[in-house]
Amino acid sequence: MSSGKRNDRPQLEQAIGHAQQAGCKLLIAKLDRLSRNARFIFMLRDTHVPFVAVDMPDANNLTVGIMAVLADHERQMISERTKAALQALIARGKQLGTPENLNDQARAAGQKVRRKNAYEHLNNRRAGAFALSLFRQKMNYSEISRQLNEHGFTTRRNCCFTHVQVKRLIERYSTTLP
């Protein structure tokens, strides 16, 4: 089960894309498991893919909006409580982490992950620049995702791009690229 805290969820994006193509509803077990980020839930609502949360089957746009904002607030409160608890442990002299994990093998594995992330970041910047140029040529998100996939670009998790991911990519890189 994926965390409601994360917004980069390829299987969910795939389900949204399938629901759009098939013209069917997206069935969600619990709204707060979908996401604890109000912006993400509003973005899903704005895709016009109808969805039903099993824990709130009679919910409408108003109640979904209210619950999204409450879930977002709860996420912030959880984060603040966790940070405070960690600071209290540090103040009492507790060393966080597992020192035996700081061996040469762990350091090499960490370096490998950092290199992989740097490559993915570079690949994402290239995909972002390409997507942004297509967007400026008045292509829609679906057309851009098709172009990215045809040119061999993949998401961070080596999946094909969807229109939702393209929208996020453009939003992310439109402020950082010329």
N, C-alpha and C. Protein backbone atom coordinates (compact mmCIF):
# COMPACT_ATOMS: atom_id res chain seq x y z
N MET A 1 0.85 -1.18 0.00
CA MET A 1 0.00 0.00 0.00
C MET A 1 0.89 1.24 0.00
N SER A 2 0.56 2.18 -0.85
CA SER A 2 1.35 3.41 -0.93
C SER A 2 0.94 4.37 0.17
N SER A 3 1.86 5.21 0.53
CA SER A 3 1.59 6.20 1.56
C SER A 3 0.82 7.37 0.98
N GLY A 4 -0.11 7.90 1.77
CA GLY A 4 -0.85 9.08 1.36
C GLY A 4 0.00 10.34 1.39
N LYS A 5 1.23 10.22 1.91
CA LYS A 5 2.12 11.38 1.99
C LYS A 5 2.81 11.64 0.66
N ARG A 6 2.99 10.59 -0.13
CA ARG A 6 3.73 10.72 -1.39
C ARG A 6 2.79 11.10 -2.52
N ASN A 7 3.30 11.94 -3.43
CA ASN A 7 2.51 12.33 -4.59
C ASN A 7 3.03 11.72 -5.88
N ASP A 8 4.23 11.16 -5.88
CA ASP A 8 4.77 10.51 -7.08
C ASP A 8 4.40 9.03 -7.03
N ARG A 9 3.21 8.72 -7.54
CA ARG A 9 2.69 7.37 -7.43
C ARG A 9 2.28 6.89 -8.81
N PRO A 10 3.19 6.21 -9.50
CA PRO A 10 2.95 5.82 -10.89
C PRO A 10 1.73 4.92 -11.07
N GLN A 11 1.47 4.01 -10.14
CA GLN A 11 0.32 3.14 -10.30
C GLN A 11 -0.98 3.92 -10.20
N LEU A 12 -1.01 4.92 -9.32
CA LEU A 12 -2.20 5.76 -9.22
C LEU A 12 -2.38 6.56 -10.50
N GLU A 13 -1.29 7.11 -11.01
CA GLU A 13 -1.38 7.87 -12.27
C GLU A 13 -1.84 6.98 -13.40
N GLN A 14 -1.38 5.73 -13.41
CA GLN A 14 -1.81 4.78 -14.42
C GLN A 14 -3.30 4.49 -14.27
N ALA A 15 -3.78 4.35 -13.03
CA ALA A 15 -5.20 4.11 -12.79
C ALA A 15 -6.05 5.29 -13.23
N ILE A 16 -5.56 6.50 -12.97
CA ILE A 16 -6.27 7.71 -13.40
C ILE A 16 -6.35 7.74 -14.93
N GLY A 17 -5.23 7.46 -15.59
CA GLY A 17 -5.21 7.44 -17.05
C GLY A 17 -6.17 6.39 -17.60
N HIS A 18 -6.19 5.22 -16.98
CA HIS A 18 -7.09 4.16 -17.43
C HIS A 18 -8.55 4.57 -17.22
N ALA A 19 -8.84 5.17 -16.08
CA ALA A 19 -10.21 5.61 -15.80
C ALA A 19 -10.66 6.66 -16.82
N GLN A 20 -9.75 7.55 -17.20
CA GLN A 20 -10.08 8.57 -18.20
C GLN A 20 -10.37 7.93 -19.54
N GLN A 21 -9.52 6.99 -19.95
CA GLN A 21 -9.70 6.35 -21.25
C GLN A 21 -10.95 5.48 -21.28
N ALA A 22 -11.21 4.77 -20.20
CA ALA A 22 -12.36 3.85 -20.15
C ALA A 22 -13.65 4.57 -19.78
N GLY A 23 -13.53 5.81 -19.29
CA GLY A 23 -14.72 6.54 -18.86
C GLY A 23 -15.37 5.94 -17.63
N CYS A 24 -14.56 5.45 -16.71
CA CYS A 24 -15.12 4.83 -15.51
C CYS A 24 -14.65 5.58 -14.25
N LYS A 25 -15.22 5.18 -13.12
CA LYS A 25 -14.89 5.83 -11.85
C LYS A 25 -13.66 5.16 -11.24
N LEU A 26 -12.94 5.95 -10.47
CA LEU A 26 -11.80 5.47 -9.72
C LEU A 26 -12.30 5.16 -8.31
N LEU A 27 -12.06 3.95 -7.85
CA LEU A 27 -12.52 3.53 -6.52
C LEU A 27 -11.35 3.60 -5.56
N ILE A 28 -11.55 4.35 -4.46
CA ILE A 28 -10.50 4.59 -3.48
C ILE A 28 -10.98 4.07 -2.13
N ALA A 29 -10.13 3.33 -1.44
CA ALA A 29 -10.53 2.77 -0.14
C ALA A 29 -10.79 3.88 0.88
N LYS A 30 -9.81 4.75 1.09
CA LYS A 30 -9.96 5.84 2.05
C LYS A 30 -9.35 7.09 1.46
N LEU A 31 -10.04 8.20 1.61
CA LEU A 31 -9.57 9.46 1.04
C LEU A 31 -8.21 9.84 1.59
N ASP A 32 -7.98 9.68 2.89
CA ASP A 32 -6.69 10.09 3.45
C ASP A 32 -5.57 9.14 3.06
N ARG A 33 -5.87 7.95 2.55
CA ARG A 33 -4.84 7.06 2.03
C ARG A 33 -4.48 7.44 0.60
N LEU A 34 -5.40 8.12 -0.09
CA LEU A 34 -5.11 8.60 -1.43
C LEU A 34 -4.01 9.65 -1.35
N SER A 35 -4.22 10.63 -0.49
CA SER A 35 -3.21 11.65 -0.29
C SER A 35 -3.57 12.48 0.92
N ARG A 36 -2.55 12.94 1.62
CA ARG A 36 -2.75 13.88 2.71
C ARG A 36 -2.39 15.28 2.24
N ASN A 37 -2.30 15.46 0.94
CA ASN A 37 -1.95 16.74 0.35
C ASN A 37 -3.19 17.28 -0.36
N ALA A 38 -3.76 18.36 0.16
CA ALA A 38 -4.99 18.91 -0.39
C ALA A 38 -4.82 19.28 -1.86
N ARG A 39 -3.67 19.84 -2.20
CA ARG A 39 -3.43 20.24 -3.59
C ARG A 39 -3.52 19.04 -4.53
N PHE A 40 -2.99 17.90 -4.09
CA PHE A 40 -3.02 16.69 -4.91
C PHE A 40 -4.46 16.22 -5.12
N ILE A 41 -5.26 16.24 -4.07
CA ILE A 41 -6.65 15.80 -4.19
C ILE A 41 -7.43 16.75 -5.07
N PHE A 42 -7.18 18.05 -4.94
CA PHE A 42 -7.86 19.02 -5.81
C PHE A 42 -7.42 18.83 -7.26
N MET A 43 -6.14 18.49 -7.46
CA MET A 43 -5.65 18.24 -8.81
C MET A 43 -6.37 17.03 -9.41
N LEU A 44 -6.56 15.98 -8.60
CA LEU A 44 -7.29 14.80 -9.07
C LEU A 44 -8.72 15.18 -9.42
N ARG A 45 -9.33 15.97 -8.57
CA ARG A 45 -10.70 16.41 -8.85
C ARG A 45 -10.76 17.19 -10.16
N ASP A 46 -9.73 17.99 -10.42
CA ASP A 46 -9.71 18.82 -11.62
C ASP A 46 -9.43 18.02 -12.89
N THR A 47 -9.00 16.75 -12.76
CA THR A 47 -8.81 15.92 -13.95
C THR A 47 -10.16 15.46 -14.49
N HIS A 48 -11.21 15.69 -13.72
CA HIS A 48 -12.59 15.30 -14.07
C HIS A 48 -12.75 13.79 -14.16
N VAL A 49 -11.88 13.05 -13.51
CA VAL A 49 -12.07 11.61 -13.37
C VAL A 49 -12.93 11.43 -12.13
N PRO A 50 -14.13 10.90 -12.30
CA PRO A 50 -14.96 10.71 -11.10
C PRO A 50 -14.34 9.65 -10.19
N PHE A 51 -14.35 9.93 -8.89
CA PHE A 51 -13.83 8.94 -7.96
C PHE A 51 -14.75 8.84 -6.76
N VAL A 52 -14.74 7.66 -6.15
CA VAL A 52 -15.56 7.40 -4.98
C VAL A 52 -14.65 6.86 -3.90
N ALA A 53 -14.72 7.47 -2.73
CA ALA A 53 -13.97 6.97 -1.57
C ALA A 53 -14.92 6.05 -0.80
N VAL A 54 -14.51 4.80 -0.60
CA VAL A 54 -15.37 3.82 0.06
C VAL A 54 -15.73 4.27 1.47
N ASP A 55 -14.81 4.96 2.14
CA ASP A 55 -15.11 5.41 3.50
C ASP A 55 -16.07 6.61 3.51
N MET A 56 -16.31 7.22 2.35
CA MET A 56 -17.24 8.36 2.25
C MET A 56 -17.98 8.28 0.91
N PRO A 57 -18.82 7.26 0.71
CA PRO A 57 -19.42 7.04 -0.61
C PRO A 57 -20.35 8.17 -1.06
N ASP A 58 -20.89 8.94 -0.14
CA ASP A 58 -21.82 10.01 -0.51
C ASP A 58 -21.15 11.37 -0.58
N ALA A 59 -19.83 11.38 -0.55
CA ALA A 59 -19.11 12.65 -0.55
C ALA A 59 -19.30 13.38 -1.88
N ASN A 60 -19.39 14.70 -1.78
CA ASN A 60 -19.47 15.53 -2.98
C ASN A 60 -18.21 16.41 -3.00
N ASN A 61 -18.14 17.33 -3.96
CA ASN A 61 -16.95 18.19 -4.08
C ASN A 61 -16.68 18.97 -2.80
N LEU A 62 -17.73 19.44 -2.13
CA LEU A 62 -17.55 20.21 -0.91
C LEU A 62 -16.94 19.35 0.19
N THR A 63 -17.52 18.18 0.44
CA THR A 63 -17.01 17.34 1.53
C THR A 63 -15.62 16.80 1.21
N VAL A 64 -15.36 16.47 -0.06
CA VAL A 64 -14.03 16.02 -0.44
C VAL A 64 -13.02 17.14 -0.19
N GLY A 65 -13.37 18.37 -0.54
CA GLY A 65 -12.49 19.51 -0.31
C GLY A 65 -12.19 19.72 1.16
N ILE A 66 -13.23 19.64 1.97
CA ILE A 66 -13.05 19.82 3.42
C ILE A 66 -12.17 18.71 3.99
N MET A 67 -12.45 17.48 3.60
CA MET A 67 -11.66 16.36 4.11
C MET A 67 -10.22 16.43 3.62
N ALA A 68 -10.02 16.93 2.40
CA ALA A 68 -8.66 17.08 1.88
C ALA A 68 -7.87 18.08 2.70
N VAL A 69 -8.51 19.19 3.04
CA VAL A 69 -7.84 20.22 3.84
C VAL A 69 -7.55 19.68 5.24
N LEU A 70 -8.48 18.93 5.82
CA LEU A 70 -8.26 18.33 7.14
C LEU A 70 -7.12 17.32 7.10
N ALA A 71 -7.07 16.49 6.06
CA ALA A 71 -5.99 15.50 5.93
C ALA A 71 -4.65 16.20 5.78
N ASP A 72 -4.62 17.30 5.03
CA ASP A 72 -3.39 18.07 4.86
C ASP A 72 -2.93 18.64 6.20
N HIS A 73 -3.87 19.15 6.97
CA HIS A 73 -3.55 19.69 8.30
C HIS A 73 -3.00 18.58 9.20
N GLU A 74 -3.62 17.41 9.17
CA GLU A 74 -3.16 16.29 9.99
C GLU A 74 -1.74 15.89 9.59
N ARG A 75 -1.43 15.91 8.29
CA ARG A 75 -0.08 15.59 7.81
C ARG A 75 0.93 16.57 8.42
N GLN A 76 0.57 17.85 8.44
CA GLN A 76 1.46 18.86 9.01
C GLN A 76 1.65 18.65 10.51
N MET A 77 0.58 18.31 11.20
CA MET A 77 0.66 18.08 12.64
C MET A 77 1.54 16.86 12.95
N ILE A 78 1.39 15.79 12.16
CA ILE A 78 2.21 14.59 12.35
C ILE A 78 3.69 14.95 12.17
N SER A 79 3.98 15.72 11.13
CA SER A 79 5.36 16.13 10.87
C SER A 79 5.92 16.94 12.03
N GLU A 80 5.14 17.88 12.54
CA GLU A 80 5.61 18.71 13.66
C GLU A 80 5.85 17.87 14.92
N ARG A 81 4.95 16.92 15.21
CA ARG A 81 5.12 16.06 16.38
C ARG A 81 6.37 15.19 16.24
N THR A 82 6.59 14.68 15.04
CA THR A 82 7.76 13.83 14.81
C THR A 82 9.04 14.62 14.99
N LYS A 83 9.10 15.82 14.41
CA LYS A 83 10.29 16.67 14.54
C LYS A 83 10.55 17.02 16.00
N ALA A 84 9.49 17.34 16.73
CA ALA A 84 9.64 17.69 18.15
C ALA A 84 10.16 16.49 18.95
N ALA A 85 9.64 15.31 18.66
CA ALA A 85 10.08 14.11 19.37
C ALA A 85 11.56 13.82 19.08
N LEU A 86 11.96 13.98 17.82
CA LEU A 86 13.37 13.75 17.48
C LEU A 86 14.27 14.78 18.15
N GLN A 87 13.85 16.02 18.19
CA GLN A 87 14.65 17.06 18.87
C GLN A 87 14.77 16.76 20.36
N ALA A 88 13.69 16.26 20.96
CA ALA A 88 13.73 15.90 22.39
C ALA A 88 14.73 14.77 22.63
N LEU A 89 14.75 13.79 21.72
CA LEU A 89 15.72 12.69 21.86
C LEU A 89 17.15 13.21 21.73
N ILE A 90 17.37 14.08 20.79
CA ILE A 90 18.71 14.66 20.60
C ILE A 90 19.12 15.46 21.83
N ALA A 91 18.19 16.22 22.40
CA ALA A 91 18.47 17.03 23.59
C ALA A 91 18.85 16.14 24.78
N ARG A 92 18.30 14.91 24.82
CA ARG A 92 18.64 13.99 25.91
C ARG A 92 19.91 13.20 25.61
N GLY A 93 20.58 13.51 24.48
CA GLY A 93 21.84 12.86 24.17
C GLY A 93 21.73 11.60 23.34
N LYS A 94 20.55 11.27 22.87
CA LYS A 94 20.36 10.07 22.05
C LYS A 94 20.93 10.31 20.66
N GLN A 95 21.73 9.35 20.17
CA GLN A 95 22.27 9.45 18.81
C GLN A 95 21.26 8.80 17.87
N LEU A 96 20.83 9.56 16.88
CA LEU A 96 19.85 9.05 15.92
C LEU A 96 20.56 8.26 14.84
N GLY A 97 19.85 7.33 14.27
CA GLY A 97 20.42 6.50 13.22
C GLY A 97 21.03 5.25 13.80
N THR A 98 21.61 4.46 12.94
CA THR A 98 22.25 3.22 13.36
C THR A 98 23.72 3.28 12.99
N PRO A 99 24.59 3.56 13.96
CA PRO A 99 26.03 3.75 13.67
C PRO A 99 26.66 2.56 12.94
N GLU A 100 26.20 1.33 13.23
CA GLU A 100 26.81 0.18 12.56
C GLU A 100 26.50 0.15 11.06
N ASN A 101 25.54 0.96 10.63
CA ASN A 101 25.24 1.05 9.20
C ASN A 101 26.23 1.97 8.47
N LEU A 102 27.05 2.70 9.20
CA LEU A 102 27.99 3.63 8.58
C LEU A 102 29.32 2.94 8.29
N ASN A 103 29.25 1.87 7.50
CA ASN A 103 30.47 1.16 7.10
C ASN A 103 30.76 1.47 5.64
N ASP A 104 31.88 0.93 5.14
CA ASP A 104 32.29 1.22 3.76
C ASP A 104 31.25 0.75 2.75
N GLN A 105 30.66 -0.41 3.01
CA GLN A 105 29.66 -0.94 2.09
C GLN A 105 28.42 -0.03 2.03
N ALA A 106 27.98 0.47 3.17
CA ALA A 106 26.83 1.37 3.22
C ALA A 106 27.15 2.69 2.53
N ARG A 107 28.36 3.18 2.74
CA ARG A 107 28.77 4.43 2.08
C ARG A 107 28.80 4.27 0.56
N ALA A 108 29.31 3.12 0.09
CA ALA A 108 29.36 2.85 -1.35
C ALA A 108 27.95 2.75 -1.93
N ALA A 109 27.06 2.11 -1.19
CA ALA A 109 25.67 2.01 -1.65
C ALA A 109 25.02 3.39 -1.70
N GLY A 110 25.29 4.22 -0.72
CA GLY A 110 24.75 5.58 -0.71
C GLY A 110 25.28 6.40 -1.87
N GLN A 111 26.56 6.24 -2.17
CA GLN A 111 27.15 6.96 -3.29
C GLN A 111 26.52 6.51 -4.61
N LYS A 112 26.26 5.21 -4.72
CA LYS A 112 25.62 4.68 -5.94
C LYS A 112 24.23 5.28 -6.11
N VAL A 113 23.48 5.38 -5.03
CA VAL A 113 22.14 5.97 -5.08
C VAL A 113 22.22 7.45 -5.45
N ARG A 114 23.18 8.17 -4.88
CA ARG A 114 23.33 9.60 -5.21
C ARG A 114 23.67 9.80 -6.68
N ARG A 115 24.54 8.94 -7.23
CA ARG A 115 24.88 9.03 -8.65
C ARG A 115 23.65 8.76 -9.52
N LYS A 116 22.89 7.73 -9.13
CA LYS A 116 21.67 7.38 -9.88
C LYS A 116 20.68 8.54 -9.84
N ASN A 117 20.51 9.14 -8.68
CA ASN A 117 19.60 10.28 -8.54
C ASN A 117 20.07 11.47 -9.37
N ALA A 118 21.39 11.69 -9.42
CA ALA A 118 21.92 12.79 -10.22
C ALA A 118 21.64 12.55 -11.70
N TYR A 119 21.80 11.30 -12.16
CA TYR A 119 21.51 10.98 -13.55
C TYR A 119 20.02 11.18 -13.84
N GLU A 120 19.19 10.70 -12.92
CA GLU A 120 17.74 10.86 -13.11
C GLU A 120 17.35 12.33 -13.13
N HIS A 121 18.00 13.12 -12.28
CA HIS A 121 17.71 14.55 -12.26
C HIS A 121 18.07 15.17 -13.61
N LEU A 122 19.22 14.79 -14.16
CA LEU A 122 19.64 15.29 -15.46
C LEU A 122 18.64 14.86 -16.53
N ASN A 123 18.22 13.59 -16.49
CA ASN A 123 17.24 13.07 -17.45
C ASN A 123 15.92 13.82 -17.31
N ASN A 124 15.51 14.09 -16.08
CA ASN A 124 14.26 14.82 -15.85
C ASN A 124 14.38 16.26 -16.36
N ARG A 125 15.54 16.87 -16.19
CA ARG A 125 15.73 18.24 -16.70
C ARG A 125 15.63 18.25 -18.22
N ARG A 126 16.20 17.24 -18.86
CA ARG A 126 16.10 17.16 -20.32
C ARG A 126 14.65 16.95 -20.73
N ALA A 127 13.98 16.03 -20.05
CA ALA A 127 12.56 15.79 -20.36
C ALA A 127 11.75 17.05 -20.08
N GLY A 128 12.07 17.75 -19.00
CA GLY A 128 11.36 18.98 -18.66
C GLY A 128 11.56 20.06 -19.70
N ALA A 129 12.78 20.21 -20.16
CA ALA A 129 13.06 21.22 -21.20
C ALA A 129 12.33 20.87 -22.49
N PHE A 130 12.34 19.59 -22.86
CA PHE A 130 11.65 19.15 -24.07
C PHE A 130 10.14 19.36 -23.94
N ALA A 131 9.59 18.95 -22.80
CA ALA A 131 8.15 19.10 -22.56
C ALA A 131 7.75 20.57 -22.57
N LEU A 132 8.57 21.41 -21.96
CA LEU A 132 8.27 22.84 -21.91
C LEU A 132 8.29 23.45 -23.32
N SER A 133 9.24 23.02 -24.14
CA SER A 133 9.29 23.55 -25.51
C SER A 133 8.05 23.12 -26.30
N LEU A 134 7.60 21.88 -26.10
CA LEU A 134 6.39 21.41 -26.79
C LEU A 134 5.15 22.14 -26.27
N PHE A 135 5.14 22.39 -24.97
CA PHE A 135 4.01 23.12 -24.37
C PHE A 135 3.92 24.53 -24.94
N ARG A 136 5.08 25.16 -25.13
CA ARG A 136 5.10 26.51 -25.70
C ARG A 136 4.68 26.51 -27.16
N GLN A 137 4.72 25.32 -27.79
CA GLN A 137 4.24 25.17 -29.16
C GLN A 137 2.75 24.83 -29.19
N LYS A 138 2.11 24.97 -28.03
CA LYS A 138 0.66 24.78 -27.87
C LYS A 138 0.21 23.32 -27.94
N MET A 139 1.10 22.38 -27.63
CA MET A 139 0.69 20.98 -27.52
C MET A 139 0.03 20.77 -26.17
N ASN A 140 -0.95 19.86 -26.11
CA ASN A 140 -1.57 19.57 -24.83
C ASN A 140 -0.77 18.50 -24.09
N TYR A 141 -1.12 18.26 -22.84
CA TYR A 141 -0.34 17.36 -21.99
C TYR A 141 -0.30 15.93 -22.54
N SER A 142 -1.39 15.46 -23.09
CA SER A 142 -1.43 14.10 -23.64
C SER A 142 -0.50 13.98 -24.85
N GLU A 143 -0.52 14.97 -25.72
CA GLU A 143 0.38 14.96 -26.89
C GLU A 143 1.84 15.01 -26.44
N ILE A 144 2.11 15.82 -25.44
CA ILE A 144 3.49 15.93 -24.95
C ILE A 144 3.94 14.61 -24.33
N SER A 145 3.06 13.97 -23.56
CA SER A 145 3.44 12.69 -22.95
C SER A 145 3.74 11.67 -24.05
N ARG A 146 2.96 11.67 -25.10
CA ARG A 146 3.20 10.76 -26.22
C ARG A 146 4.58 11.02 -26.85
N GLN A 147 4.90 12.32 -27.04
CA GLN A 147 6.19 12.68 -27.62
C GLN A 147 7.35 12.26 -26.71
N LEU A 148 7.22 12.51 -25.41
CA LEU A 148 8.27 12.13 -24.47
C LEU A 148 8.51 10.62 -24.52
N ASN A 149 7.42 9.85 -24.52
CA ASN A 149 7.54 8.40 -24.55
C ASN A 149 8.15 7.91 -25.86
N GLU A 150 7.75 8.53 -26.97
CA GLU A 150 8.31 8.15 -28.27
C GLU A 150 9.80 8.46 -28.38
N HIS A 151 10.24 9.50 -27.68
CA HIS A 151 11.66 9.88 -27.72
C HIS A 151 12.48 9.17 -26.64
N GLY A 152 11.88 8.22 -25.95
CA GLY A 152 12.62 7.39 -25.00
C GLY A 152 12.79 7.95 -23.61
N PHE A 153 12.14 9.05 -23.30
CA PHE A 153 12.20 9.58 -21.94
C PHE A 153 11.35 8.71 -21.03
N THR A 154 11.81 8.53 -19.80
CA THR A 154 11.02 7.80 -18.82
C THR A 154 10.95 8.61 -17.53
N THR A 155 10.01 8.26 -16.70
CA THR A 155 9.88 8.92 -15.41
C THR A 155 11.00 8.43 -14.50
N ARG A 156 11.04 8.98 -13.33
CA ARG A 156 12.07 8.61 -12.37
C ARG A 156 12.03 7.11 -12.05
N ARG A 157 10.85 6.53 -12.14
CA ARG A 157 10.69 5.10 -11.84
C ARG A 157 10.68 4.24 -13.11
N ASN A 158 11.24 4.78 -14.18
CA ASN A 158 11.34 4.08 -15.46
C ASN A 158 9.99 3.70 -16.06
N CYS A 159 9.00 4.54 -15.87
CA CYS A 159 7.68 4.32 -16.46
C CYS A 159 7.46 5.32 -17.58
N CYS A 160 6.44 5.06 -18.38
CA CYS A 160 6.07 6.00 -19.43
C CYS A 160 5.41 7.22 -18.80
N PHE A 161 5.53 8.35 -19.47
CA PHE A 161 4.90 9.57 -18.99
C PHE A 161 3.40 9.54 -19.25
N THR A 162 2.64 10.11 -18.34
CA THR A 162 1.21 10.32 -18.53
C THR A 162 0.99 11.83 -18.58
N HIS A 163 -0.21 12.23 -18.96
CA HIS A 163 -0.51 13.66 -19.05
C HIS A 163 -0.38 14.34 -17.68
N VAL A 164 -0.71 13.62 -16.61
CA VAL A 164 -0.61 14.19 -15.26
C VAL A 164 0.84 14.47 -14.91
N GLN A 165 1.73 13.53 -15.23
CA GLN A 165 3.15 13.72 -14.94
C GLN A 165 3.73 14.85 -15.78
N VAL A 166 3.26 14.96 -17.03
CA VAL A 166 3.73 16.04 -17.90
C VAL A 166 3.32 17.38 -17.32
N LYS A 167 2.10 17.47 -16.82
CA LYS A 167 1.63 18.72 -16.21
C LYS A 167 2.55 19.11 -15.05
N ARG A 168 2.87 18.14 -14.20
CA ARG A 168 3.76 18.41 -13.06
C ARG A 168 5.16 18.78 -13.52
N LEU A 169 5.64 18.08 -14.53
CA LEU A 169 6.97 18.35 -15.06
C LEU A 169 7.05 19.77 -15.59
N ILE A 170 6.05 20.18 -16.33
CA ILE A 170 6.02 21.54 -16.89
C ILE A 170 5.93 22.56 -15.77
N GLU A 171 5.09 22.31 -14.78
CA GLU A 171 4.97 23.23 -13.66
C GLU A 171 6.31 23.36 -12.93
N ARG A 172 7.01 22.24 -12.75
CA ARG A 172 8.27 22.25 -12.03
C ARG A 172 9.35 22.99 -12.80
N TYR A 173 9.43 22.75 -14.11
CA TYR A 173 10.54 23.29 -14.88
C TYR A 173 10.23 24.62 -15.55
N SER A 174 8.98 25.04 -15.57
CA SER A 174 8.67 26.33 -16.21
C SER A 174 9.27 27.49 -15.44
N THR A 175 9.53 27.30 -14.15
CA THR A 175 10.11 28.38 -13.34
C THR A 175 11.64 28.31 -13.30
N THR A 176 12.21 27.12 -13.66
CA THR A 176 13.66 26.97 -13.55
C THR A 176 14.37 27.00 -14.89
N LEU A 177 13.64 26.77 -15.97
CA LEU A 177 14.27 26.77 -17.28
C LEU A 177 13.93 28.07 -18.02
N PRO A 178 14.82 28.51 -18.91
CA PRO A 178 14.56 29.75 -19.66
C PRO A 178 13.43 29.59 -20.66
